PDB file of N, CA and C in Angstrom:
ATOM      1  N   UNK A   1     115.434  58.879  65.328  1.00  0.00           N
ATOM      2  CA  UNK A   1     113.989  58.965  65.131  1.00  0.00           C
ATOM      3  C   UNK A   1     113.629  60.046  64.098  1.00  0.00           C
ATOM      4  N   UNK A   2     114.300  61.185  64.209  1.00  0.00           N
ATOM      5  CA  UNK A   2     114.034  62.288  63.277  1.00  0.00           C
ATOM      6  C   UNK A   2     114.406  61.896  61.838  1.00  0.00           C
ATOM      7  N   UNK A   3     115.517  61.162  61.679  1.00  0.00           N
ATOM      8  CA  UNK A   3     115.964  60.755  60.347  1.00  0.00           C
ATOM      9  C   UNK A   3     114.965  59.782  59.706  1.00  0.00           C
ATOM     10  N   UNK A   4     114.408  58.870  60.503  1.00  0.00           N
ATOM     11  CA  UNK A   4     113.419  57.913  59.998  1.00  0.00           C
ATOM     12  C   UNK A   4     112.152  58.650  59.556  1.00  0.00           C
ATOM     13  N   UNK A   5     111.770  59.656  60.351  1.00  0.00           N
ATOM     14  CA  UNK A   5     110.590  60.440  60.026  1.00  0.00           C
ATOM     15  C   UNK A   5     110.794  61.226  58.727  1.00  0.00           C
ATOM     16  N   UNK A   6     111.987  61.784  58.577  1.00  0.00           N
ATOM     17  CA  UNK A   6     112.331  62.539  57.368  1.00  0.00           C
ATOM     18  C   UNK A   6     112.286  61.620  56.143  1.00  0.00           C
ATOM     19  N   UNK A   7     112.820  60.404  56.303  1.00  0.00           N
ATOM     20  CA  UNK A   7     112.850  59.441  55.198  1.00  0.00           C
ATOM     21  C   UNK A   7     111.428  59.067  54.750  1.00  0.00           C
ATOM     22  N   UNK A   8     110.545  58.784  55.717  1.00  0.00           N
ATOM     23  CA  UNK A   8     109.175  58.424  55.386  1.00  0.00           C
ATOM     24  C   UNK A   8     108.456  59.597  54.710  1.00  0.00           C
ATOM     25  N   UNK A   9     108.763  60.819  55.143  1.00  0.00           N
ATOM     26  CA  UNK A   9     108.193  62.002  54.508  1.00  0.00           C
ATOM     27  C   UNK A   9     108.648  62.124  53.064  1.00  0.00           C
ATOM     28  N   UNK A  10     109.902  61.812  52.806  1.00  0.00           N
ATOM     29  CA  UNK A  10     110.457  61.844  51.460  1.00  0.00           C
ATOM     30  C   UNK A  10     109.768  60.800  50.585  1.00  0.00           C
ATOM     31  N   UNK A  11     109.570  59.608  51.115  1.00  0.00           N
ATOM     32  CA  UNK A  11     108.899  58.536  50.380  1.00  0.00           C
ATOM     33  C   UNK A  11     107.461  58.925  50.043  1.00  0.00           C
ATOM     34  N   UNK A  12     106.743  59.488  51.015  1.00  0.00           N
ATOM     35  CA  UNK A  12     105.350  59.871  50.779  1.00  0.00           C
ATOM     36  C   UNK A  12     105.271  60.991  49.729  1.00  0.00           C
ATOM     37  N   UNK A  13     106.317  61.795  49.650  1.00  0.00           N
ATOM     38  CA  UNK A  13     106.381  62.837  48.632  1.00  0.00           C
ATOM     39  C   UNK A  13     106.596  62.225  47.241  1.00  0.00           C
ATOM     40  N   UNK A  14     107.417  61.202  47.151  1.00  0.00           N
ATOM     41  CA  UNK A  14     107.759  60.609  45.861  1.00  0.00           C
ATOM     42  C   UNK A  14     106.719  59.628  45.335  1.00  0.00           C
ATOM     43  N   UNK A  15     105.987  58.961  46.222  1.00  0.00           N
ATOM     44  CA  UNK A  15     105.027  57.959  45.774  1.00  0.00           C
ATOM     45  C   UNK A  15     104.003  58.481  44.768  1.00  0.00           C
ATOM     46  N   UNK A  16     103.340  59.642  45.020  1.00  0.00           N
ATOM     47  CA  UNK A  16     102.399  60.155  44.015  1.00  0.00           C
ATOM     48  C   UNK A  16     103.071  60.514  42.687  1.00  0.00           C
ATOM     49  N   UNK A  17     104.324  60.956  42.743  1.00  0.00           N
ATOM     50  CA  UNK A  17     105.059  61.246  41.512  1.00  0.00           C
ATOM     51  C   UNK A  17     105.315  59.970  40.717  1.00  0.00           C
ATOM     52  N   UNK A  18     105.706  58.899  41.422  1.00  0.00           N
ATOM     53  CA  UNK A  18     105.948  57.601  40.785  1.00  0.00           C
ATOM     54  C   UNK A  18     104.653  57.047  40.193  1.00  0.00           C
ATOM     55  N   UNK A  19     103.541  57.166  40.957  1.00  0.00           N
ATOM     56  CA  UNK A  19     102.236  56.705  40.468  1.00  0.00           C
ATOM     57  C   UNK A  19     101.826  57.457  39.201  1.00  0.00           C
ATOM     58  N   UNK A  20     102.023  58.777  39.208  1.00  0.00           N
ATOM     59  CA  UNK A  20     101.690  59.589  38.036  1.00  0.00           C
ATOM     60  C   UNK A  20     102.556  59.197  36.842  1.00  0.00           C
ATOM     61  N   UNK A  21     103.840  58.953  37.106  1.00  0.00           N
ATOM     62  CA  UNK A  21     104.784  58.527  36.072  1.00  0.00           C
ATOM     63  C   UNK A  21     104.345  57.207  35.440  1.00  0.00           C
ATOM     64  N   UNK A  22     103.980  56.237  36.285  1.00  0.00           N
ATOM     65  CA  UNK A  22     103.500  54.941  35.796  1.00  0.00           C
ATOM     66  C   UNK A  22     102.218  55.100  34.988  1.00  0.00           C
ATOM     67  N   UNK A  23     101.312  55.945  35.481  1.00  0.00           N
ATOM     68  CA  UNK A  23     100.041  56.160  34.800  1.00  0.00           C
ATOM     69  C   UNK A  23     100.249  56.792  33.431  1.00  0.00           C
ATOM     70  N   UNK A  24     101.227  57.684  33.324  1.00  0.00           N
ATOM     71  CA  UNK A  24     101.547  58.294  32.037  1.00  0.00           C
ATOM     72  C   UNK A  24     102.147  57.274  31.070  1.00  0.00           C
ATOM     73  N   UNK A  25     103.005  56.403  31.587  1.00  0.00           N
ATOM     74  CA  UNK A  25     103.753  55.486  30.723  1.00  0.00           C
ATOM     75  C   UNK A  25     102.987  54.239  30.304  1.00  0.00           C
ATOM     76  N   UNK A  26     102.027  53.782  31.103  1.00  0.00           N
ATOM     77  CA  UNK A  26     101.301  52.562  30.755  1.00  0.00           C
ATOM     78  C   UNK A  26     100.644  52.626  29.377  1.00  0.00           C
ATOM     79  N   UNK A  27      99.879  53.689  29.040  1.00  0.00           N
ATOM     80  CA  UNK A  27      99.313  53.758  27.688  1.00  0.00           C
ATOM     81  C   UNK A  27     100.363  53.872  26.592  1.00  0.00           C
ATOM     82  N   UNK A  28     101.480  54.543  26.900  1.00  0.00           N
ATOM     83  CA  UNK A  28     102.570  54.640  25.923  1.00  0.00           C
ATOM     84  C   UNK A  28     103.194  53.274  25.655  1.00  0.00           C
ATOM     85  N   UNK A  29     103.402  52.503  26.731  1.00  0.00           N
ATOM     86  CA  UNK A  29     103.961  51.156  26.598  1.00  0.00           C
ATOM     87  C   UNK A  29     102.991  50.253  25.836  1.00  0.00           C
ATOM     88  N   UNK A  30     101.695  50.346  26.145  1.00  0.00           N
ATOM     89  CA  UNK A  30     100.684  49.563  25.428  1.00  0.00           C
ATOM     90  C   UNK A  30     100.696  49.879  23.938  1.00  0.00           C
ATOM     91  N   UNK A  31     100.750  51.163  23.616  1.00  0.00           N
ATOM     92  CA  UNK A  31     100.788  51.572  22.216  1.00  0.00           C
ATOM     93  C   UNK A  31     102.060  51.071  21.534  1.00  0.00           C
ATOM     94  N   UNK A  32     103.174  51.161  22.257  1.00  0.00           N
ATOM     95  CA  UNK A  32     104.453  50.686  21.733  1.00  0.00           C
ATOM     96  C   UNK A  32     104.392  49.200  21.393  1.00  0.00           C
ATOM     97  N   UNK A  33     103.839  48.385  22.307  1.00  0.00           N
ATOM     98  CA  UNK A  33     103.753  46.947  22.066  1.00  0.00           C
ATOM     99  C   UNK A  33     102.798  46.625  20.925  1.00  0.00           C
ATOM    100  N   UNK A  34     101.734  47.402  20.776  1.00  0.00           N
ATOM    101  CA  UNK A  34     100.821  47.192  19.648  1.00  0.00           C
ATOM    102  C   UNK A  34     101.541  47.439  18.329  1.00  0.00           C
ATOM    103  N   UNK A  35     102.373  48.481  18.292  1.00  0.00           N
ATOM    104  CA  UNK A  35     103.157  48.790  17.090  1.00  0.00           C
ATOM    105  C   UNK A  35     104.176  47.675  16.812  1.00  0.00           C
ATOM    106  N   UNK A  36     104.864  47.231  17.861  1.00  0.00           N
ATOM    107  CA  UNK A  36     105.894  46.190  17.719  1.00  0.00           C
ATOM    108  C   UNK A  36     105.280  44.867  17.262  1.00  0.00           C
ATOM    109  N   UNK A  37     104.167  44.479  17.881  1.00  0.00           N
ATOM    110  CA  UNK A  37     103.529  43.206  17.562  1.00  0.00           C
ATOM    111  C   UNK A  37     102.680  43.299  16.292  1.00  0.00           C
ATOM    112  N   UNK A  38     102.259  44.518  15.952  1.00  0.00           N
ATOM    113  CA  UNK A  38     101.320  44.899  14.911  1.00  0.00           C
ATOM    114  C   UNK A  38     101.352  44.122  13.652  1.00  0.00           C
TER     115      UNK A  38
END
């Protein structure tokens, strides 16, 4: 039970980091595709 709780705590810690990472990269990817397709 303790290990499952620890795992969920780890996931909740990483989710906002992953969301921030995606938010940072989406405009970069959009700009990249505009250059490639340009």
